[in-house]
Amino acid sequence: MRKNTFVCQLFFIGDSEGTADYVISITESWMTPTILMTLTFVVSAFIAFFG
C-alpha cells in the first residue's frame, strides 16, 4: 500500500510542475514513433532481464 502512495505523490508533483510539457518540448524534434517503440522495447527487456 505504501508503494501506491509514493507513485501518487510522484504523479502529483510531475503534474503540477508541467513535466509532460517539458519532456515533449525536448523530444519532439527527434523522437519518432519507431524510436519510441524501440526504446520502450529495449528498456523493458533490460528491466525484465536484470530486474
PDB file of N, CA and C in Angstrom:
ATOM      1  N   MET A   1       0.823  -1.191   0.000  1.00  0.00           N
ATOM      2  CA  MET A   1       0.000   0.000   0.000  1.00  0.00           C
ATOM      3  C   MET A   1       0.864   1.251   0.000  1.00  0.00           C
ATOM      4  N   ARG A   2       1.989   1.200   0.639  1.00  0.00           N
ATOM      5  CA  ARG A   2       2.868   2.358   0.732  1.00  0.00           C
ATOM      6  C   ARG A   2       3.441   2.742  -0.622  1.00  0.00           C
ATOM      7  N   LYS A   3       3.716   1.745  -1.459  1.00  0.00           N
ATOM      8  CA  LYS A   3       4.252   1.993  -2.793  1.00  0.00           C
ATOM      9  C   LYS A   3       3.255   2.809  -3.624  1.00  0.00           C
ATOM     10  N   ASN A   4       1.997   2.501  -3.491  1.00  0.00           N
ATOM     11  CA  ASN A   4       0.955   3.212  -4.216  1.00  0.00           C
ATOM     12  C   ASN A   4       0.933   4.691  -3.843  1.00  0.00           C
ATOM     13  N   THR A   5       1.119   5.000  -2.603  1.00  0.00           N
ATOM     14  CA  THR A   5       1.125   6.379  -2.136  1.00  0.00           C
ATOM     15  C   THR A   5       2.295   7.143  -2.736  1.00  0.00           C
ATOM     16  N   PHE A   6       3.462   6.499  -2.804  1.00  0.00           N
ATOM     17  CA  PHE A   6       4.642   7.129  -3.386  1.00  0.00           C
ATOM     18  C   PHE A   6       4.411   7.444  -4.859  1.00  0.00           C
ATOM     19  N   VAL A   7       3.809   6.505  -5.583  1.00  0.00           N
ATOM     20  CA  VAL A   7       3.529   6.719  -7.000  1.00  0.00           C
ATOM     21  C   VAL A   7       2.551   7.873  -7.183  1.00  0.00           C
ATOM     22  N   CYS A   8       1.549   7.943  -6.355  1.00  0.00           N
ATOM     23  CA  CYS A   8       0.584   9.047  -6.442  1.00  0.00           C
ATOM     24  C   CYS A   8       1.254  10.391  -6.175  1.00  0.00           C
ATOM     25  N   GLN A   9       2.137  10.442  -5.215  1.00  0.00           N
ATOM     26  CA  GLN A   9       2.840  11.689  -4.917  1.00  0.00           C
ATOM     27  C   GLN A   9       3.729  12.107  -6.080  1.00  0.00           C
ATOM     28  N   LEU A  10       4.421  11.150  -6.689  1.00  0.00           N
ATOM     29  CA  LEU A  10       5.232  11.469  -7.870  1.00  0.00           C
ATOM     30  C   LEU A  10       4.368  12.005  -9.004  1.00  0.00           C
ATOM     31  N   PHE A  11       3.188  11.413  -9.173  1.00  0.00           N
ATOM     32  CA  PHE A  11       2.269  11.885 -10.211  1.00  0.00           C
ATOM     33  C   PHE A  11       1.849  13.329  -9.955  1.00  0.00           C
ATOM     34  N   PHE A  12       1.482  13.637  -8.731  1.00  0.00           N
ATOM     35  CA  PHE A  12       1.024  14.988  -8.422  1.00  0.00           C
ATOM     36  C   PHE A  12       2.145  16.016  -8.554  1.00  0.00           C
ATOM     37  N   ILE A  13       3.361  15.647  -8.166  1.00  0.00           N
ATOM     38  CA  ILE A  13       4.496  16.559  -8.315  1.00  0.00           C
ATOM     39  C   ILE A  13       4.781  16.808  -9.794  1.00  0.00           C
ATOM     40  N   GLY A  14       4.833  15.744 -10.574  1.00  0.00           N
ATOM     41  CA  GLY A  14       5.087  15.890 -12.001  1.00  0.00           C
ATOM     42  C   GLY A  14       3.987  16.650 -12.707  1.00  0.00           C
ATOM     43  N   ASP A  15       2.765  16.435 -12.296  1.00  0.00           N
ATOM     44  CA  ASP A  15       1.634  17.120 -12.904  1.00  0.00           C
ATOM     45  C   ASP A  15       1.658  18.611 -12.590  1.00  0.00           C
ATOM     46  N   SER A  16       1.992  18.967 -11.383  1.00  0.00           N
ATOM     47  CA  SER A  16       1.984  20.376 -11.002  1.00  0.00           C
ATOM     48  C   SER A  16       3.168  21.134 -11.581  1.00  0.00           C
ATOM     49  N   GLU A  17       4.267  20.448 -11.862  1.00  0.00           N
ATOM     50  CA  GLU A  17       5.462  21.099 -12.398  1.00  0.00           C
ATOM     51  C   GLU A  17       5.453  21.185 -13.918  1.00  0.00           C
ATOM     52  N   GLY A  18       4.503  20.546 -14.588  1.00  0.00           N
ATOM     53  CA  GLY A  18       4.453  20.573 -16.044  1.00  0.00           C
ATOM     54  C   GLY A  18       5.519  19.705 -16.691  1.00  0.00           C
ATOM     55  N   THR A  19       5.798  18.574 -16.081  1.00  0.00           N
ATOM     56  CA  THR A  19       6.847  17.688 -16.571  1.00  0.00           C
ATOM     57  C   THR A  19       6.541  17.170 -17.977  1.00  0.00           C
ATOM     58  N   ALA A  20       5.306  16.821 -18.243  1.00  0.00           N
ATOM     59  CA  ALA A  20       4.949  16.287 -19.555  1.00  0.00           C
ATOM     60  C   ALA A  20       5.225  17.311 -20.653  1.00  0.00           C
ATOM     61  N   ASP A  21       4.864  18.556 -20.423  1.00  0.00           N
ATOM     62  CA  ASP A  21       5.116  19.601 -21.411  1.00  0.00           C
ATOM     63  C   ASP A  21       6.609  19.788 -21.660  1.00  0.00           C
ATOM     64  N   TYR A  22       7.401  19.708 -20.604  1.00  0.00           N
ATOM     65  CA  TYR A  22       8.846  19.850 -20.733  1.00  0.00           C
ATOM     66  C   TYR A  22       9.443  18.703 -21.552  1.00  0.00           C
ATOM     67  N   VAL A  23       9.045  17.466 -21.226  1.00  0.00           N
ATOM     68  CA  VAL A  23       9.576  16.308 -21.938  1.00  0.00           C
ATOM     69  C   VAL A  23       9.179  16.354 -23.407  1.00  0.00           C
ATOM     70  N   ILE A  24       7.958  16.740 -23.695  1.00  0.00           N
ATOM     71  CA  ILE A  24       7.501  16.845 -25.081  1.00  0.00           C
ATOM     72  C   ILE A  24       8.293  17.909 -25.827  1.00  0.00           C
ATOM     73  N   SER A  25       8.528  19.042 -25.208  1.00  0.00           N
ATOM     74  CA  SER A  25       9.265  20.114 -25.880  1.00  0.00           C
ATOM     75  C   SER A  25      10.710  19.709 -26.165  1.00  0.00           C
ATOM     76  N   ILE A  26      11.295  18.878 -25.319  1.00  0.00           N
ATOM     77  CA  ILE A  26      12.674  18.435 -25.518  1.00  0.00           C
ATOM     78  C   ILE A  26      12.770  17.372 -26.613  1.00  0.00           C
ATOM     79  N   THR A  27      11.808  16.453 -26.663  1.00  0.00           N
ATOM     80  CA  THR A  27      11.924  15.294 -27.557  1.00  0.00           C
ATOM     81  C   THR A  27      11.161  15.415 -28.868  1.00  0.00           C
ATOM     82  N   GLU A  28      10.342  16.432 -29.055  1.00  0.00           N
ATOM     83  CA  GLU A  28       9.505  16.476 -30.248  1.00  0.00           C
ATOM     84  C   GLU A  28      10.295  16.638 -31.545  1.00  0.00           C
ATOM     85  N   SER A  29      11.499  17.173 -31.476  1.00  0.00           N
ATOM     86  CA  SER A  29      12.267  17.382 -32.703  1.00  0.00           C
ATOM     87  C   SER A  29      12.929  16.104 -33.223  1.00  0.00           C
ATOM     88  N   TRP A  30      13.187  15.127 -32.362  1.00  0.00           N
ATOM     89  CA  TRP A  30      13.899  13.932 -32.817  1.00  0.00           C
ATOM     90  C   TRP A  30      13.201  12.609 -32.520  1.00  0.00           C
ATOM     91  N   MET A  31      12.199  12.598 -31.660  1.00  0.00           N
ATOM     92  CA  MET A  31      11.535  11.349 -31.279  1.00  0.00           C
ATOM     93  C   MET A  31      10.467  10.989 -32.313  1.00  0.00           C
ATOM     94  N   THR A  32      10.665   9.846 -32.971  1.00  0.00           N
ATOM     95  CA  THR A  32       9.679   9.344 -33.927  1.00  0.00           C
ATOM     96  C   THR A  32       8.996   8.124 -33.302  1.00  0.00           C
ATOM     97  N   PRO A  33       7.863   7.699 -33.858  1.00  0.00           N
ATOM     98  CA  PRO A  33       7.197   6.512 -33.310  1.00  0.00           C
ATOM     99  C   PRO A  33       8.096   5.263 -33.318  1.00  0.00           C
ATOM    100  N   THR A  34       8.926   5.127 -34.335  1.00  0.00           N
ATOM    101  CA  THR A  34       9.820   3.969 -34.410  1.00  0.00           C
ATOM    102  C   THR A  34      10.853   4.006 -33.286  1.00  0.00           C
ATOM    103  N   ILE A  35      11.436   5.162 -33.050  1.00  0.00           N
ATOM    104  CA  ILE A  35      12.414   5.293 -31.973  1.00  0.00           C
ATOM    105  C   ILE A  35      11.746   5.048 -30.620  1.00  0.00           C
ATOM    106  N   LEU A  36      10.547   5.554 -30.446  1.00  0.00           N
ATOM    107  CA  LEU A  36       9.832   5.358 -29.191  1.00  0.00           C
ATOM    108  C   LEU A  36       9.564   3.881 -28.931  1.00  0.00           C
ATOM    109  N   MET A  37       9.107   3.153 -29.969  1.00  0.00           N
ATOM    110  CA  MET A  37       8.847   1.721 -29.804  1.00  0.00           C
ATOM    111  C   MET A  37      10.135   0.961 -29.499  1.00  0.00           C
ATOM    112  N   THR A  38      11.205   1.287 -30.197  1.00  0.00           N
ATOM    113  CA  THR A  38      12.480   0.615 -29.980  1.00  0.00           C
ATOM    114  C   THR A  38      13.010   0.882 -28.580  1.00  0.00           C
ATOM    115  N   LEU A  39      12.957   2.121 -28.176  1.00  0.00           N
ATOM    116  CA  LEU A  39      13.434   2.498 -26.844  1.00  0.00           C
ATOM    117  C   LEU A  39      12.609   1.815 -25.753  1.00  0.00           C
ATOM    118  N   THR A  40      11.302   1.770 -25.936  1.00  0.00           N
ATOM    119  CA  THR A  40      10.429   1.095 -24.968  1.00  0.00           C
ATOM    120  C   THR A  40      10.756  -0.393 -24.888  1.00  0.00           C
ATOM    121  N   PHE A  41      10.980  -1.031 -26.020  1.00  0.00           N
ATOM    122  CA  PHE A  41      11.321  -2.449 -26.039  1.00  0.00           C
ATOM    123  C   PHE A  41      12.650  -2.704 -25.334  1.00  0.00           C
ATOM    124  N   VAL A  42      13.654  -1.903 -25.630  1.00  0.00           N
ATOM    125  CA  VAL A  42      14.978  -2.109 -25.044  1.00  0.00           C
ATOM    126  C   VAL A  42      14.945  -1.910 -23.530  1.00  0.00           C
ATOM    127  N   VAL A  43      14.275  -0.864 -23.075  1.00  0.00           N
ATOM    128  CA  VAL A  43      14.188  -0.612 -21.631  1.00  0.00           C
ATOM    129  C   VAL A  43      13.405  -1.733 -20.947  1.00  0.00           C
ATOM    130  N   SER A  44      12.318  -2.175 -21.554  1.00  0.00           N
ATOM    131  CA  SER A  44      11.519  -3.263 -20.971  1.00  0.00           C
ATOM    132  C   SER A  44      12.312  -4.565 -20.911  1.00  0.00           C
ATOM    133  N   ALA A  45      13.058  -4.859 -21.963  1.00  0.00           N
ATOM    134  CA  ALA A  45      13.877  -6.070 -21.973  1.00  0.00           C
ATOM    135  C   ALA A  45      14.965  -5.998 -20.902  1.00  0.00           C
ATOM    136  N   PHE A  46      15.572  -4.838 -20.741  1.00  0.00           N
ATOM    137  CA  PHE A  46      16.589  -4.662 -19.727  1.00  0.00           C
ATOM    138  C   PHE A  46      16.013  -4.897 -18.325  1.00  0.00           C
ATOM    139  N   ILE A  47      14.845  -4.310 -18.076  1.00  0.00           N
ATOM    140  CA  ILE A  47      14.200  -4.467 -16.763  1.00  0.00           C
ATOM    141  C   ILE A  47      13.817  -5.933 -16.538  1.00  0.00           C
ATOM    142  N   ALA A  48      13.293  -6.594 -17.563  1.00  0.00           N
ATOM    143  CA  ALA A  48      12.887  -7.995 -17.421  1.00  0.00           C
ATOM    144  C   ALA A  48      14.086  -8.903 -17.191  1.00  0.00           C
ATOM    145  N   PHE A  49      15.199  -8.597 -17.828  1.00  0.00           N
ATOM    146  CA  PHE A  49      16.352  -9.464 -17.711  1.00  0.00           C
ATOM    147  C   PHE A  49      17.129  -9.223 -16.411  1.00  0.00           C
ATOM    148  N   PHE A  50      17.304  -7.974 -16.039  1.00  0.00           N
ATOM    149  CA  PHE A  50      18.116  -7.646 -14.858  1.00  0.00           C
ATOM    150  C   PHE A  50      17.305  -7.342 -13.605  1.00  0.00           C
ATOM    151  N   GLY A  51      15.997  -7.203 -13.746  1.00  0.00           N
ATOM    152  CA  GLY A  51      15.177  -6.804 -12.602  1.00  0.00           C
ATOM    153  C   GLY A  51      14.673  -7.886 -11.797  1.00  0.00           C
TER     154      GLY A  51
END
